[in-house]
Amino acid sequence: MKQGIHPEYHPVVFRDASAGFAFLTRSTATSTTTVEWEDGRTYPVIDVEISSASHPFWTGSARVMDTAGRVEKFHRRYGTPGGTTPKEQDR
């Protein structure tokens, strides 16, 4: 590797605040916020919105979106031009 052209690679804590989950790894990412880790040392911490502890794919708590119901709800609420719903137009 060429010297002096690569970013610094150092230990960083990534924290998922929504799940209360954090892990220590090495990264080139940096932060001004720090946290004291389990080993007693202080590391920069990067807060993430989602991790394996909170992602539906990994937790198994996926929500099913009812898209047909959403469209029908929209048509009930706002109707269509002419004041009828699509089902009434087909009659």
N, C-alpha and C. Protein backbone atom coordinates (compact mmCIF):
# COMPACT_ATOMS: atom_id res chain seq x y z
N MET A 1 0.83 -1.19 0.00
CA MET A 1 0.00 0.00 0.00
C MET A 1 0.88 1.25 0.00
N LYS A 2 0.41 2.27 -0.67
CA LYS A 2 1.12 3.54 -0.65
C LYS A 2 0.93 4.18 0.72
N GLN A 3 1.97 4.80 1.21
CA GLN A 3 1.91 5.47 2.51
C GLN A 3 1.29 6.87 2.36
N GLY A 4 0.48 7.27 3.33
CA GLY A 4 -0.05 8.62 3.40
C GLY A 4 -1.28 8.93 2.56
N ILE A 5 -1.85 7.94 1.86
CA ILE A 5 -3.03 8.24 1.04
C ILE A 5 -4.30 7.58 1.57
N HIS A 6 -4.18 6.72 2.57
CA HIS A 6 -5.34 6.00 3.10
C HIS A 6 -5.83 6.66 4.38
N PRO A 7 -7.16 6.66 4.61
CA PRO A 7 -7.68 7.22 5.86
C PRO A 7 -7.28 6.35 7.04
N GLU A 8 -7.30 6.95 8.21
CA GLU A 8 -6.95 6.23 9.44
C GLU A 8 -8.01 5.18 9.75
N TYR A 9 -7.57 3.99 10.06
CA TYR A 9 -8.43 2.85 10.37
C TYR A 9 -8.32 2.59 11.86
N HIS A 10 -9.40 2.81 12.61
CA HIS A 10 -9.33 2.76 14.07
C HIS A 10 -10.60 2.14 14.65
N PRO A 11 -10.58 1.76 15.93
CA PRO A 11 -11.77 1.21 16.58
C PRO A 11 -12.87 2.27 16.72
N VAL A 12 -14.11 1.86 16.43
CA VAL A 12 -15.27 2.75 16.52
C VAL A 12 -16.44 1.94 17.07
N VAL A 13 -17.28 2.57 17.89
CA VAL A 13 -18.49 1.93 18.39
C VAL A 13 -19.66 2.41 17.53
N PHE A 14 -20.42 1.47 16.99
CA PHE A 14 -21.66 1.79 16.28
C PHE A 14 -22.81 1.46 17.22
N ARG A 15 -23.72 2.42 17.41
CA ARG A 15 -24.80 2.27 18.39
C ARG A 15 -26.15 2.46 17.72
N ASP A 16 -27.04 1.50 17.91
CA ASP A 16 -28.42 1.57 17.43
C ASP A 16 -29.27 1.95 18.63
N ALA A 17 -29.64 3.22 18.70
CA ALA A 17 -30.37 3.73 19.86
C ALA A 17 -31.78 3.14 19.96
N SER A 18 -32.40 2.80 18.84
CA SER A 18 -33.77 2.29 18.88
C SER A 18 -33.82 0.88 19.49
N ALA A 19 -32.74 0.13 19.39
CA ALA A 19 -32.73 -1.24 19.92
C ALA A 19 -31.87 -1.37 21.17
N GLY A 20 -31.14 -0.31 21.53
CA GLY A 20 -30.25 -0.40 22.68
C GLY A 20 -29.09 -1.34 22.43
N PHE A 21 -28.62 -1.39 21.20
CA PHE A 21 -27.59 -2.33 20.78
C PHE A 21 -26.37 -1.55 20.30
N ALA A 22 -25.18 -2.00 20.69
CA ALA A 22 -23.95 -1.35 20.24
C ALA A 22 -22.89 -2.42 20.02
N PHE A 23 -22.00 -2.15 19.08
CA PHE A 23 -20.91 -3.08 18.83
C PHE A 23 -19.65 -2.31 18.47
N LEU A 24 -18.53 -2.88 18.85
CA LEU A 24 -17.22 -2.29 18.61
C LEU A 24 -16.60 -2.97 17.40
N THR A 25 -16.14 -2.16 16.46
CA THR A 25 -15.49 -2.68 15.27
C THR A 25 -14.44 -1.67 14.82
N ARG A 26 -13.76 -1.96 13.73
CA ARG A 26 -12.79 -1.01 13.19
C ARG A 26 -13.37 -0.38 11.95
N SER A 27 -13.12 0.92 11.76
CA SER A 27 -13.68 1.64 10.64
C SER A 27 -12.84 2.87 10.34
N THR A 28 -13.04 3.44 9.16
CA THR A 28 -12.42 4.72 8.83
C THR A 28 -13.33 5.87 9.20
N ALA A 29 -14.59 5.57 9.56
CA ALA A 29 -15.53 6.61 9.98
C ALA A 29 -15.08 7.18 11.32
N THR A 30 -15.39 8.45 11.53
CA THR A 30 -15.00 9.09 12.78
C THR A 30 -16.14 9.94 13.32
N SER A 31 -16.05 10.29 14.57
CA SER A 31 -17.08 11.08 15.22
C SER A 31 -16.46 11.89 16.35
N THR A 32 -17.08 13.01 16.67
CA THR A 32 -16.60 13.81 17.80
C THR A 32 -17.20 13.32 19.11
N THR A 33 -18.29 12.55 19.04
CA THR A 33 -18.92 12.00 20.23
C THR A 33 -18.18 10.73 20.65
N THR A 34 -18.00 10.56 21.95
CA THR A 34 -17.30 9.38 22.44
C THR A 34 -18.15 8.64 23.47
N VAL A 35 -17.79 7.40 23.72
CA VAL A 35 -18.47 6.58 24.70
C VAL A 35 -17.43 5.67 25.36
N GLU A 36 -17.65 5.38 26.63
CA GLU A 36 -16.76 4.45 27.32
C GLU A 36 -17.28 3.05 27.09
N TRP A 37 -16.45 2.18 26.54
CA TRP A 37 -16.84 0.82 26.20
C TRP A 37 -16.63 -0.11 27.38
N GLU A 38 -17.03 -1.35 27.26
CA GLU A 38 -16.96 -2.35 28.33
C GLU A 38 -15.55 -2.60 28.82
N ASP A 39 -14.54 -2.37 27.97
CA ASP A 39 -13.16 -2.61 28.37
C ASP A 39 -12.55 -1.43 29.12
N GLY A 40 -13.35 -0.36 29.34
CA GLY A 40 -12.88 0.80 30.09
C GLY A 40 -12.25 1.88 29.22
N ARG A 41 -12.04 1.62 27.96
CA ARG A 41 -11.46 2.61 27.05
C ARG A 41 -12.57 3.47 26.44
N THR A 42 -12.18 4.65 25.96
CA THR A 42 -13.11 5.56 25.31
C THR A 42 -12.91 5.49 23.81
N TYR A 43 -14.02 5.31 23.08
CA TYR A 43 -13.99 5.20 21.63
C TYR A 43 -14.97 6.20 21.02
N PRO A 44 -14.72 6.62 19.77
CA PRO A 44 -15.73 7.43 19.09
C PRO A 44 -16.97 6.59 18.83
N VAL A 45 -18.14 7.20 18.91
CA VAL A 45 -19.39 6.48 18.71
C VAL A 45 -20.15 7.09 17.54
N ILE A 46 -20.71 6.22 16.70
CA ILE A 46 -21.53 6.65 15.57
C ILE A 46 -22.92 6.05 15.77
N ASP A 47 -23.92 6.92 15.85
CA ASP A 47 -25.30 6.46 16.03
C ASP A 47 -25.90 6.12 14.67
N VAL A 48 -26.49 4.94 14.58
CA VAL A 48 -27.14 4.50 13.35
C VAL A 48 -28.63 4.34 13.60
N GLU A 49 -29.42 4.49 12.54
CA GLU A 49 -30.87 4.40 12.68
C GLU A 49 -31.35 2.96 12.74
N ILE A 50 -30.64 2.07 12.07
CA ILE A 50 -31.09 0.68 12.01
C ILE A 50 -29.87 -0.24 11.98
N SER A 51 -29.98 -1.37 12.64
CA SER A 51 -28.92 -2.37 12.64
C SER A 51 -29.56 -3.75 12.61
N SER A 52 -28.77 -4.77 12.72
CA SER A 52 -29.32 -6.14 12.72
C SER A 52 -30.22 -6.38 13.92
N ALA A 53 -30.06 -5.59 14.98
CA ALA A 53 -30.90 -5.76 16.16
C ALA A 53 -32.28 -5.15 16.00
N SER A 54 -32.45 -4.23 15.03
CA SER A 54 -33.75 -3.60 14.85
C SER A 54 -34.34 -3.76 13.45
N HIS A 55 -33.61 -4.36 12.51
CA HIS A 55 -34.10 -4.51 11.15
C HIS A 55 -35.10 -5.67 11.09
N PRO A 56 -36.26 -5.46 10.46
CA PRO A 56 -37.29 -6.51 10.42
C PRO A 56 -36.81 -7.82 9.81
N PHE A 57 -35.91 -7.78 8.85
CA PHE A 57 -35.42 -9.02 8.24
C PHE A 57 -34.70 -9.89 9.27
N TRP A 58 -33.91 -9.29 10.12
CA TRP A 58 -33.12 -10.04 11.09
C TRP A 58 -33.90 -10.35 12.35
N THR A 59 -34.88 -9.53 12.70
CA THR A 59 -35.63 -9.78 13.93
C THR A 59 -36.82 -10.70 13.71
N GLY A 60 -37.28 -10.82 12.47
CA GLY A 60 -38.42 -11.68 12.18
C GLY A 60 -39.75 -11.03 12.48
N SER A 61 -39.77 -9.75 12.76
CA SER A 61 -41.01 -9.05 13.07
C SER A 61 -41.41 -8.13 11.92
N ALA A 62 -41.42 -8.68 10.71
CA ALA A 62 -41.78 -7.89 9.54
C ALA A 62 -43.27 -7.59 9.55
N ARG A 63 -43.61 -6.39 9.11
CA ARG A 63 -45.01 -6.00 9.01
C ARG A 63 -45.44 -6.15 7.56
N VAL A 64 -46.63 -6.67 7.36
CA VAL A 64 -47.16 -6.82 6.02
C VAL A 64 -47.95 -5.56 5.69
N MET A 65 -47.62 -4.95 4.55
CA MET A 65 -48.32 -3.75 4.13
C MET A 65 -49.51 -4.15 3.27
N ASP A 66 -50.67 -3.62 3.60
CA ASP A 66 -51.88 -3.91 2.85
C ASP A 66 -52.07 -2.81 1.82
N THR A 67 -51.47 -2.99 0.65
CA THR A 67 -51.52 -1.93 -0.37
C THR A 67 -52.91 -1.78 -0.96
N ALA A 68 -53.62 -2.90 -1.15
CA ALA A 68 -54.97 -2.80 -1.71
C ALA A 68 -55.87 -2.04 -0.75
N GLY A 69 -55.74 -2.31 0.51
CA GLY A 69 -56.54 -1.59 1.50
C GLY A 69 -56.23 -0.12 1.54
N ARG A 70 -54.99 0.24 1.31
CA ARG A 70 -54.60 1.64 1.31
C ARG A 70 -55.23 2.38 0.13
N VAL A 71 -55.26 1.74 -1.04
CA VAL A 71 -55.86 2.36 -2.21
C VAL A 71 -57.35 2.55 -1.99
N GLU A 72 -58.01 1.53 -1.48
CA GLU A 72 -59.45 1.64 -1.22
C GLU A 72 -59.73 2.72 -0.19
N LYS A 73 -58.91 2.82 0.82
CA LYS A 73 -59.08 3.86 1.83
C LYS A 73 -58.93 5.24 1.20
N PHE A 74 -57.99 5.39 0.30
CA PHE A 74 -57.80 6.65 -0.40
C PHE A 74 -59.04 7.01 -1.21
N HIS A 75 -59.58 6.03 -1.96
CA HIS A 75 -60.75 6.29 -2.78
C HIS A 75 -61.98 6.59 -1.92
N ARG A 76 -62.13 5.94 -0.78
CA ARG A 76 -63.24 6.25 0.12
C ARG A 76 -63.12 7.66 0.65
N ARG A 77 -61.91 8.06 0.98
CA ARG A 77 -61.70 9.37 1.58
C ARG A 77 -61.84 10.49 0.56
N TYR A 78 -61.21 10.33 -0.59
CA TYR A 78 -61.16 11.42 -1.56
C TYR A 78 -62.01 11.19 -2.80
N GLY A 79 -62.44 9.96 -3.03
CA GLY A 79 -63.25 9.67 -4.20
C GLY A 79 -62.45 9.82 -5.48
N THR A 80 -63.15 9.90 -6.58
CA THR A 80 -62.52 10.10 -7.88
C THR A 80 -63.22 11.28 -8.54
N PRO A 81 -62.68 11.80 -9.60
CA PRO A 81 -63.37 12.88 -10.29
C PRO A 81 -64.78 12.45 -10.68
N GLY A 82 -65.76 13.24 -10.36
CA GLY A 82 -67.15 12.89 -10.63
C GLY A 82 -67.86 12.36 -9.40
N GLY A 83 -67.10 12.15 -8.30
CA GLY A 83 -67.71 11.77 -7.02
C GLY A 83 -68.02 10.31 -6.85
N THR A 84 -67.54 9.43 -7.71
CA THR A 84 -67.81 8.01 -7.55
C THR A 84 -66.52 7.27 -7.26
N THR A 85 -66.65 6.11 -6.68
CA THR A 85 -65.48 5.27 -6.46
C THR A 85 -65.27 4.41 -7.70
N PRO A 86 -64.08 3.85 -7.91
CA PRO A 86 -63.83 3.03 -9.09
C PRO A 86 -64.79 1.85 -9.23
N LYS A 87 -65.23 1.25 -8.13
CA LYS A 87 -66.15 0.12 -8.21
C LYS A 87 -67.51 0.57 -8.71
N GLU A 88 -67.95 1.75 -8.32
CA GLU A 88 -69.23 2.27 -8.78
C GLU A 88 -69.19 2.59 -10.26
N GLN A 89 -68.02 2.97 -10.79
CA GLN A 89 -67.90 3.30 -12.18
C GLN A 89 -68.03 2.06 -13.06
N ASP A 90 -67.63 0.89 -12.53
CA ASP A 90 -67.69 -0.35 -13.31
C ASP A 90 -69.12 -0.87 -13.46
N ARG A 91 -70.04 -0.41 -12.65
CA ARG A 91 -71.42 -0.93 -12.69
C ARG A 91 -72.17 -0.42 -13.86
